[in-house]
N, C-alpha and C. Protein backbone atom coordinates (compact mmCIF):
# COMPACT_ATOMS: atom_id res chain seq x y z
N MET A 1 69.39 60.96 91.50
CA MET A 1 70.87 61.32 91.86
C MET A 1 71.11 62.76 91.15
N ARG A 2 70.60 62.89 89.99
CA ARG A 2 70.89 64.13 89.31
C ARG A 2 70.21 65.28 90.01
N ARG A 3 69.01 65.13 90.62
CA ARG A 3 68.35 66.15 91.35
C ARG A 3 69.09 66.53 92.63
N ILE A 4 69.66 65.59 93.30
CA ILE A 4 70.44 65.87 94.44
C ILE A 4 71.71 66.57 94.13
N LEU A 5 72.37 66.14 93.10
CA LEU A 5 73.55 67.01 92.59
C LEU A 5 73.19 68.42 92.11
N LEU A 6 72.14 68.69 91.52
CA LEU A 6 71.69 69.92 91.13
C LEU A 6 71.39 70.74 92.44
N THR A 7 70.67 70.19 93.47
CA THR A 7 70.35 70.89 94.65
C THR A 7 71.63 71.31 95.48
N VAL A 8 72.60 70.37 95.47
CA VAL A 8 73.89 70.72 96.15
C VAL A 8 74.72 71.81 95.39
N LEU A 9 74.64 71.74 94.09
CA LEU A 9 75.31 72.78 93.25
C LEU A 9 74.56 74.15 93.46
N ALA A 10 73.31 74.16 93.55
CA ALA A 10 72.53 75.40 93.71
C ALA A 10 72.85 75.95 95.10
N LEU A 11 72.91 75.15 96.10
CA LEU A 11 73.06 75.61 97.50
C LEU A 11 74.58 76.11 97.48
N ALA A 12 75.51 75.43 96.90
CA ALA A 12 76.95 75.86 96.84
C ALA A 12 77.00 77.24 96.18
N MET A 13 76.36 77.48 95.11
CA MET A 13 76.40 78.80 94.38
C MET A 13 75.73 79.89 95.08
N SER A 14 74.74 79.58 95.97
CA SER A 14 74.09 80.66 96.66
C SER A 14 74.67 80.95 98.03
N ALA A 15 75.69 80.10 98.44
CA ALA A 15 76.20 80.35 99.82
C ALA A 15 76.81 81.74 99.89
N VAL A 16 76.73 82.27 101.02
CA VAL A 16 77.32 83.67 101.16
C VAL A 16 78.82 83.42 101.40
N PRO A 17 79.70 84.04 100.64
CA PRO A 17 81.13 83.89 100.95
C PRO A 17 81.63 84.32 102.23
N VAL A 18 82.53 83.61 102.83
CA VAL A 18 82.98 83.92 104.14
C VAL A 18 83.97 85.14 104.01
N LEU A 19 83.79 86.12 104.75
CA LEU A 19 84.71 87.36 104.76
C LEU A 19 85.96 87.00 105.40
N ALA A 20 87.04 87.49 104.72
CA ALA A 20 88.39 87.29 105.38
C ALA A 20 88.43 88.05 106.62
N GLN A 21 89.08 87.56 107.69
CA GLN A 21 89.27 88.21 108.92
C GLN A 21 90.53 89.08 108.84
N GLN A 22 90.38 90.33 109.40
CA GLN A 22 91.45 91.27 109.37
C GLN A 22 92.26 91.14 110.64
N THR A 23 93.55 91.13 110.46
CA THR A 23 94.54 91.15 111.49
C THR A 23 95.13 92.49 111.72
N VAL A 24 95.14 93.05 112.97
CA VAL A 24 95.68 94.25 113.29
C VAL A 24 96.89 93.90 114.31
N PHE A 25 98.04 94.45 113.88
CA PHE A 25 99.26 94.34 114.76
C PHE A 25 99.49 95.68 115.42
N LEU A 26 99.68 95.58 116.68
CA LEU A 26 99.93 96.89 117.43
C LEU A 26 101.24 96.80 118.18
N VAL A 27 102.05 97.83 118.07
CA VAL A 27 103.34 97.99 118.74
C VAL A 27 103.41 99.39 119.34
N ARG A 28 104.14 99.36 120.41
CA ARG A 28 104.56 100.75 120.96
C ARG A 28 105.78 101.09 120.12
N HIS A 29 106.00 102.41 119.96
CA HIS A 29 107.24 102.83 119.34
C HIS A 29 108.53 102.15 119.97
N ALA A 30 109.55 102.18 119.25
CA ALA A 30 110.82 101.55 119.83
C ALA A 30 111.43 102.65 120.74
N GLU A 31 112.48 102.31 121.34
CA GLU A 31 113.24 103.07 122.37
C GLU A 31 113.66 104.39 121.80
N ARG A 32 113.32 105.43 122.66
CA ARG A 32 113.66 106.82 122.31
C ARG A 32 115.14 107.18 122.63
N ALA A 33 115.63 108.17 121.88
CA ALA A 33 117.00 108.56 122.07
C ALA A 33 117.26 109.29 123.39
N ASP A 34 116.23 109.90 123.87
CA ASP A 34 116.34 110.73 125.17
C ASP A 34 116.38 109.83 126.42
N GLY A 35 116.49 108.55 126.34
CA GLY A 35 116.56 107.75 127.49
C GLY A 35 115.25 106.96 127.86
N GLY A 36 114.13 107.53 127.29
CA GLY A 36 112.85 106.76 127.45
C GLY A 36 112.39 106.66 128.88
N ALA A 37 112.54 105.44 129.44
CA ALA A 37 111.82 105.13 130.78
C ALA A 37 112.39 106.20 131.76
N GLY A 38 111.43 106.65 132.59
CA GLY A 38 111.74 107.57 133.61
C GLY A 38 112.08 109.00 133.23
N VAL A 39 112.20 109.23 131.94
CA VAL A 39 112.60 110.58 131.54
C VAL A 39 111.31 111.38 131.26
N GLN A 40 111.12 112.52 131.97
CA GLN A 40 109.94 113.31 131.78
C GLN A 40 109.98 114.01 130.57
N MET A 41 109.05 113.81 129.67
CA MET A 41 109.07 114.52 128.36
C MET A 41 108.44 115.88 128.66
N THR A 42 108.81 116.90 128.06
CA THR A 42 108.21 118.21 128.14
C THR A 42 107.35 118.59 126.88
N LYS A 43 106.42 119.44 126.97
CA LYS A 43 105.70 119.82 125.78
C LYS A 43 106.63 120.23 124.65
N GLY A 44 106.35 119.64 123.50
CA GLY A 44 107.24 120.04 122.39
C GLY A 44 108.35 119.02 122.17
N THR A 45 108.63 118.11 123.18
CA THR A 45 109.70 117.24 123.01
C THR A 45 109.29 116.12 122.11
N ASP A 46 110.09 115.82 121.03
CA ASP A 46 109.82 114.83 120.00
C ASP A 46 111.17 114.19 119.61
N PRO A 47 111.59 113.23 120.59
CA PRO A 47 112.88 112.60 120.33
C PRO A 47 112.88 111.61 119.17
N ASP A 48 114.09 111.40 118.58
CA ASP A 48 114.22 110.41 117.60
C ASP A 48 114.44 109.05 118.40
N LEU A 49 114.60 107.96 117.51
CA LEU A 49 114.86 106.62 118.16
C LEU A 49 116.30 106.66 118.55
N SER A 50 116.63 105.80 119.52
CA SER A 50 117.92 105.52 119.99
C SER A 50 118.50 104.49 118.95
N GLU A 51 119.77 104.14 119.20
CA GLU A 51 120.39 103.12 118.35
C GLU A 51 119.60 101.70 118.62
N ALA A 52 119.33 101.55 119.86
CA ALA A 52 118.57 100.32 120.17
C ALA A 52 117.19 100.28 119.49
N GLY A 53 116.60 101.53 119.57
CA GLY A 53 115.22 101.70 118.91
C GLY A 53 115.31 101.44 117.34
N ARG A 54 116.42 101.97 116.73
CA ARG A 54 116.43 101.74 115.33
C ARG A 54 116.61 100.20 115.02
N ALA A 55 117.52 99.50 115.90
CA ALA A 55 117.56 98.08 115.76
C ALA A 55 116.27 97.38 115.90
N ARG A 56 115.55 97.75 116.88
CA ARG A 56 114.20 97.18 117.15
C ARG A 56 113.27 97.42 115.99
N SER A 57 113.18 98.56 115.34
CA SER A 57 112.40 98.92 114.30
C SER A 57 112.73 97.99 113.12
N GLU A 58 114.02 97.74 112.91
CA GLU A 58 114.45 96.86 111.77
C GLU A 58 113.99 95.42 112.14
N SER A 59 114.08 94.97 113.39
CA SER A 59 113.64 93.76 113.79
C SER A 59 112.15 93.53 113.53
N LEU A 60 111.39 94.56 113.83
CA LEU A 60 109.90 94.53 113.57
C LEU A 60 109.64 94.37 112.07
N ALA A 61 110.34 95.12 111.20
CA ALA A 61 110.17 94.88 109.77
C ALA A 61 110.45 93.51 109.40
N ALA A 62 111.46 92.90 109.91
CA ALA A 62 111.83 91.50 109.58
C ALA A 62 110.70 90.54 110.06
N VAL A 63 110.20 90.78 111.27
CA VAL A 63 109.07 89.92 111.74
C VAL A 63 107.79 90.03 110.99
N LEU A 64 107.48 91.14 110.51
CA LEU A 64 106.17 91.42 109.89
C LEU A 64 106.25 91.51 108.38
N LYS A 65 107.27 91.36 107.77
CA LYS A 65 107.44 91.57 106.23
C LYS A 65 106.50 90.59 105.42
N ASP A 66 106.19 89.45 105.96
CA ASP A 66 105.34 88.49 105.29
C ASP A 66 103.91 88.47 105.90
N ALA A 67 103.55 89.33 106.69
CA ALA A 67 102.19 89.35 107.40
C ALA A 67 101.10 89.92 106.50
N LYS A 68 101.33 90.20 105.28
CA LYS A 68 100.28 90.71 104.40
C LYS A 68 99.70 92.02 104.90
N ILE A 69 100.58 92.72 105.40
CA ILE A 69 100.08 94.13 105.91
C ILE A 69 99.94 95.13 104.57
N THR A 70 98.77 95.75 104.56
CA THR A 70 98.51 96.66 103.43
C THR A 70 98.35 98.21 103.91
N ALA A 71 98.30 98.27 105.26
CA ALA A 71 98.23 99.62 105.75
C ALA A 71 98.99 99.77 107.03
N ILE A 72 99.80 100.94 107.15
CA ILE A 72 100.56 101.17 108.37
C ILE A 72 100.10 102.49 108.81
N ILE A 73 99.73 102.58 110.15
CA ILE A 73 99.25 103.71 110.83
C ILE A 73 100.13 104.12 111.98
N ALA A 74 100.65 105.36 112.00
CA ALA A 74 101.44 105.73 113.15
C ALA A 74 101.12 107.19 113.58
N THR A 75 101.38 107.59 114.73
CA THR A 75 101.13 108.98 115.23
C THR A 75 102.00 110.00 114.51
N GLU A 76 101.85 111.16 114.79
CA GLU A 76 102.65 112.26 114.31
C GLU A 76 104.16 112.32 114.84
N TYR A 77 104.41 111.61 115.86
CA TYR A 77 105.70 111.79 116.53
C TYR A 77 106.84 111.01 115.71
N LYS A 78 107.99 111.61 115.81
CA LYS A 78 109.12 110.99 115.10
C LYS A 78 109.44 109.55 115.49
N ARG A 79 109.24 109.24 116.79
CA ARG A 79 109.50 107.86 117.33
C ARG A 79 108.58 106.87 116.65
N THR A 80 107.30 107.20 116.45
CA THR A 80 106.39 106.23 115.79
C THR A 80 106.66 106.11 114.32
N GLN A 81 106.91 107.21 113.73
CA GLN A 81 107.15 107.25 112.28
C GLN A 81 108.48 106.49 111.95
N GLN A 82 109.53 106.64 112.81
CA GLN A 82 110.79 105.98 112.61
C GLN A 82 110.64 104.43 112.90
N THR A 83 109.77 104.04 113.80
CA THR A 83 109.53 102.67 114.12
C THR A 83 108.79 102.08 112.87
N ALA A 84 107.91 102.72 112.28
CA ALA A 84 107.20 102.17 111.18
C ALA A 84 107.99 102.16 109.86
N ALA A 85 109.00 103.07 109.66
CA ALA A 85 109.61 103.33 108.44
C ALA A 85 110.27 102.06 107.79
N PRO A 86 110.96 101.20 108.50
CA PRO A 86 111.66 100.16 107.87
C PRO A 86 110.64 99.16 107.22
N LEU A 87 109.56 98.83 107.79
CA LEU A 87 108.53 97.97 107.34
C LEU A 87 107.84 98.67 106.12
N ALA A 88 107.57 99.92 106.22
CA ALA A 88 106.92 100.67 105.18
C ALA A 88 107.83 100.66 103.93
N ASN A 89 109.09 100.80 104.12
CA ASN A 89 110.06 100.76 103.00
C ASN A 89 110.06 99.44 102.34
N ILE A 90 110.17 98.36 103.22
CA ILE A 90 110.13 96.97 102.63
C ILE A 90 108.91 96.65 101.69
N LEU A 91 107.74 97.09 102.30
CA LEU A 91 106.47 96.78 101.59
C LEU A 91 106.03 97.82 100.63
N GLY A 92 106.70 98.98 100.58
CA GLY A 92 106.33 100.00 99.66
C GLY A 92 104.97 100.56 99.99
N VAL A 93 104.75 100.69 101.32
CA VAL A 93 103.46 101.29 101.74
C VAL A 93 103.76 102.61 102.38
N THR A 94 102.87 103.59 102.10
CA THR A 94 102.97 104.94 102.75
C THR A 94 102.34 104.80 104.14
N VAL A 95 103.14 105.40 105.07
CA VAL A 95 102.57 105.43 106.53
C VAL A 95 101.47 106.42 106.57
N THR A 96 100.25 106.04 107.16
CA THR A 96 99.29 107.01 107.39
C THR A 96 99.47 107.61 108.74
N THR A 97 99.56 109.00 108.71
CA THR A 97 99.75 109.59 110.16
C THR A 97 98.40 110.15 110.71
N ILE A 98 98.11 109.70 111.85
CA ILE A 98 96.97 110.12 112.55
C ILE A 98 97.38 110.67 113.90
N LYS A 99 96.95 111.83 114.31
CA LYS A 99 97.37 112.40 115.54
C LYS A 99 97.05 111.48 116.72
N ALA A 100 98.04 111.54 117.71
CA ALA A 100 97.83 110.60 118.93
C ALA A 100 96.52 110.97 119.68
N ASN A 101 96.03 112.15 119.53
CA ASN A 101 94.87 112.58 120.29
C ASN A 101 93.59 112.49 119.49
N GLU A 102 93.61 111.68 118.42
CA GLU A 102 92.38 111.41 117.56
C GLU A 102 92.17 109.88 117.42
N PRO A 103 91.92 109.16 118.54
CA PRO A 103 91.64 107.77 118.44
C PRO A 103 90.57 107.31 117.55
N ALA A 104 89.52 108.15 117.45
CA ALA A 104 88.28 107.80 116.63
C ALA A 104 88.76 107.73 115.12
N GLU A 105 89.63 108.68 114.76
CA GLU A 105 90.19 108.60 113.32
C GLU A 105 91.00 107.47 113.03
N LEU A 106 91.69 106.92 114.10
CA LEU A 106 92.52 105.80 114.04
C LEU A 106 91.71 104.61 113.73
N ILE A 107 90.60 104.41 114.61
CA ILE A 107 89.74 103.25 114.42
C ILE A 107 89.05 103.27 113.12
N LYS A 108 88.71 104.52 112.65
CA LYS A 108 88.02 104.68 111.31
C LYS A 108 88.88 104.22 110.23
N ALA A 109 90.19 104.55 110.38
CA ALA A 109 91.18 104.17 109.27
C ALA A 109 91.39 102.58 109.30
N VAL A 110 91.45 102.03 110.52
CA VAL A 110 91.62 100.59 110.55
C VAL A 110 90.43 99.87 109.91
N ARG A 111 89.23 100.39 110.31
CA ARG A 111 88.00 99.73 109.70
C ARG A 111 87.89 99.96 108.22
N ALA A 112 88.50 100.96 107.72
CA ALA A 112 88.40 101.22 106.30
C ALA A 112 89.49 100.39 105.50
N ALA A 113 90.44 100.02 106.15
CA ALA A 113 91.48 99.20 105.54
C ALA A 113 91.04 97.83 104.97
N THR A 114 91.41 97.42 103.81
CA THR A 114 91.06 96.25 103.22
C THR A 114 91.94 94.99 103.49
N GLY A 115 92.96 95.20 104.27
CA GLY A 115 93.89 94.07 104.59
C GLY A 115 94.35 94.23 105.99
N ASN A 116 95.44 93.67 106.25
CA ASN A 116 95.98 93.63 107.64
C ASN A 116 96.75 95.04 107.85
N VAL A 117 96.79 95.33 109.10
CA VAL A 117 97.15 96.75 109.46
C VAL A 117 98.20 96.58 110.62
N LEU A 118 99.24 97.55 110.50
CA LEU A 118 100.13 97.74 111.61
C LEU A 118 99.85 99.13 112.17
N ILE A 119 99.68 99.12 113.50
CA ILE A 119 99.50 100.49 114.21
C ILE A 119 100.74 100.55 115.12
N VAL A 120 101.47 101.70 115.00
CA VAL A 120 102.52 102.10 115.95
C VAL A 120 102.03 103.22 116.71
N GLY A 121 101.89 103.03 118.04
CA GLY A 121 101.41 103.96 118.96
C GLY A 121 102.26 104.08 120.17
N HIS A 122 101.52 104.35 121.29
CA HIS A 122 102.26 104.69 122.55
C HIS A 122 101.69 103.85 123.68
N SER A 123 102.38 103.68 124.69
CA SER A 123 102.09 102.87 125.82
C SER A 123 100.68 103.28 126.46
N ASN A 124 100.46 104.57 126.45
CA ASN A 124 99.21 105.09 127.02
C ASN A 124 98.10 105.11 126.08
N THR A 125 98.24 104.85 124.87
CA THR A 125 97.08 104.84 123.87
C THR A 125 96.77 103.46 123.33
N MET A 126 97.69 102.51 123.38
CA MET A 126 97.37 101.16 122.88
C MET A 126 96.22 100.39 123.53
N PRO A 127 96.12 100.51 124.96
CA PRO A 127 94.99 99.78 125.51
C PRO A 127 93.68 100.32 125.10
N ASP A 128 93.48 101.58 124.90
CA ASP A 128 92.22 102.17 124.50
C ASP A 128 91.96 101.65 123.02
N VAL A 129 92.91 101.68 122.23
CA VAL A 129 92.81 101.34 120.79
C VAL A 129 92.32 99.84 120.74
N MET A 130 92.90 98.95 121.57
CA MET A 130 92.56 97.59 121.65
C MET A 130 91.13 97.40 121.95
N ARG A 131 90.67 98.15 123.06
CA ARG A 131 89.30 98.08 123.49
C ARG A 131 88.32 98.64 122.36
N ALA A 132 88.77 99.58 121.76
CA ALA A 132 87.85 100.12 120.68
C ALA A 132 87.73 99.19 119.50
N LEU A 133 88.74 98.31 119.29
CA LEU A 133 88.70 97.34 118.27
C LEU A 133 87.94 96.02 118.82
N GLY A 134 87.54 96.04 120.02
CA GLY A 134 86.74 94.97 120.45
C GLY A 134 87.56 93.92 121.31
N ALA A 135 88.74 94.17 121.61
CA ALA A 135 89.53 93.24 122.43
C ALA A 135 89.70 93.75 123.86
N PRO A 136 89.91 92.88 124.81
CA PRO A 136 90.12 93.33 126.20
C PRO A 136 91.60 93.97 126.13
N ALA A 137 91.77 94.97 126.86
CA ALA A 137 92.98 95.71 126.97
C ALA A 137 93.95 94.85 127.82
N PRO A 138 95.30 94.85 127.43
CA PRO A 138 96.19 94.22 128.31
C PRO A 138 96.50 94.96 129.52
N ALA A 139 97.38 94.24 130.41
CA ALA A 139 97.75 94.96 131.63
C ALA A 139 98.54 96.32 131.21
N ALA A 140 98.73 97.12 132.10
CA ALA A 140 99.39 98.43 131.75
C ALA A 140 100.77 98.06 131.08
N ILE A 141 101.17 98.94 130.16
CA ILE A 141 102.38 98.75 129.49
C ILE A 141 103.47 99.75 130.19
N ALA A 142 104.43 99.23 130.76
CA ALA A 142 105.37 99.99 131.44
C ALA A 142 106.24 100.95 130.55
N ASP A 143 106.74 102.06 131.13
CA ASP A 143 107.54 102.94 130.38
C ASP A 143 108.71 102.43 129.70
N ASN A 144 109.29 101.36 130.36
CA ASN A 144 110.43 100.79 129.74
C ASN A 144 110.24 99.42 128.96
N ASP A 145 108.96 99.29 128.57
CA ASP A 145 108.56 98.02 127.91
C ASP A 145 108.34 98.33 126.40
N TYR A 146 109.22 97.80 125.59
CA TYR A 146 109.17 98.15 124.15
C TYR A 146 109.06 96.91 123.21
N ASP A 147 108.98 95.69 123.87
CA ASP A 147 108.98 94.60 123.04
C ASP A 147 107.63 93.82 122.82
N ASN A 148 106.56 94.49 123.19
CA ASN A 148 105.20 93.87 122.92
C ASN A 148 104.84 94.01 121.49
N LEU A 149 104.29 92.83 120.98
CA LEU A 149 103.63 92.80 119.70
C LEU A 149 102.31 92.23 119.97
N PHE A 150 101.26 93.04 119.78
CA PHE A 150 99.92 92.62 120.04
C PHE A 150 99.29 92.21 118.71
N VAL A 151 98.68 91.05 118.60
CA VAL A 151 98.04 90.61 117.29
C VAL A 151 96.60 90.41 117.52
N LEU A 152 95.80 91.19 116.93
CA LEU A 152 94.33 91.19 117.10
C LEU A 152 93.70 90.66 115.80
N THR A 153 92.85 89.68 116.03
CA THR A 153 92.13 89.19 114.90
C THR A 153 90.65 89.59 115.00
N LEU A 154 90.28 90.43 114.06
CA LEU A 154 88.93 91.10 114.15
C LEU A 154 87.90 90.21 113.51
N GLY A 155 86.79 90.13 114.14
CA GLY A 155 85.72 89.26 113.55
C GLY A 155 84.50 89.46 114.45
N THR A 156 83.64 88.51 114.47
CA THR A 156 82.47 88.51 115.34
C THR A 156 82.93 88.61 116.78
N SER A 157 84.11 88.01 117.08
CA SER A 157 84.69 87.99 118.43
C SER A 157 86.16 88.32 118.21
N THR A 158 86.58 89.52 118.66
CA THR A 158 87.93 89.83 118.49
C THR A 158 88.88 89.12 119.53
N THR A 159 89.91 88.54 118.96
CA THR A 159 90.82 87.87 119.77
C THR A 159 92.16 88.66 119.81
N ILE A 160 92.92 88.45 120.91
CA ILE A 160 94.17 89.13 121.04
C ILE A 160 95.24 88.17 121.51
N LEU A 161 96.38 88.37 120.90
CA LEU A 161 97.59 87.53 121.21
C LEU A 161 98.69 88.50 121.54
N ARG A 162 99.32 88.26 122.66
CA ARG A 162 100.51 89.11 123.08
C ARG A 162 101.76 88.35 122.86
N LEU A 163 102.63 88.91 122.05
CA LEU A 163 103.99 88.26 121.64
C LEU A 163 105.08 89.30 122.05
N HIS A 164 106.27 88.84 121.98
CA HIS A 164 107.46 89.71 122.38
C HIS A 164 108.40 89.61 121.20
N TYR A 165 109.01 90.66 120.86
CA TYR A 165 110.09 90.62 119.83
C TYR A 165 111.31 91.47 120.26
N GLN A 166 112.40 91.19 119.66
CA GLN A 166 113.69 91.90 120.08
C GLN A 166 114.05 92.92 118.97
C-alpha cells in the first residue's frame, strides 16, 4: 500500500501543470460622433464618440470589469481609445496603442500578455485579428453594428463566442 501511495505521489509531483487558457475580448469601437454608418470618412478624419458611444463604452466597462483583463489594446484613433478608456480607468490599466495598419504587432502584443486581453478595433480589422488568433472569422460586421462582443478562448483549439451588449 505504501509503495502505491509513493508512486501516486511521485506521479502527481511530476505532472506538468496545466497552462491557464487566455481569453481575448474583441469589440469594435463604439458609435462615432460624425454619424458613423453611411458617413464617408476622409483621410485625416478622427471623430470622437457620440453620446451613445460614450454610454456604450461605459456599458462595456461594466460588463468586463470582473473579466480579469490585464491588458487593453486599441488602435491610435480617438474612437477606439475613448471606447477603451472607461474600463482602463476602472482597472488601472494603461491602454496599449497599436496602429490599425500593424496587425502583426497587435497579435504579438496579445501573445505576450500574461492574462486576459481586450482589443478595441474596427469592423474591417476584427475578422483578420480573429483569424490570426486561430478562430474562424465571423460574418461581416456592418457599418452600423456596434454591439458585438467577441470572446475568444485561446488554446490548442481557439473557440469563439459572439455576444451582444448595449
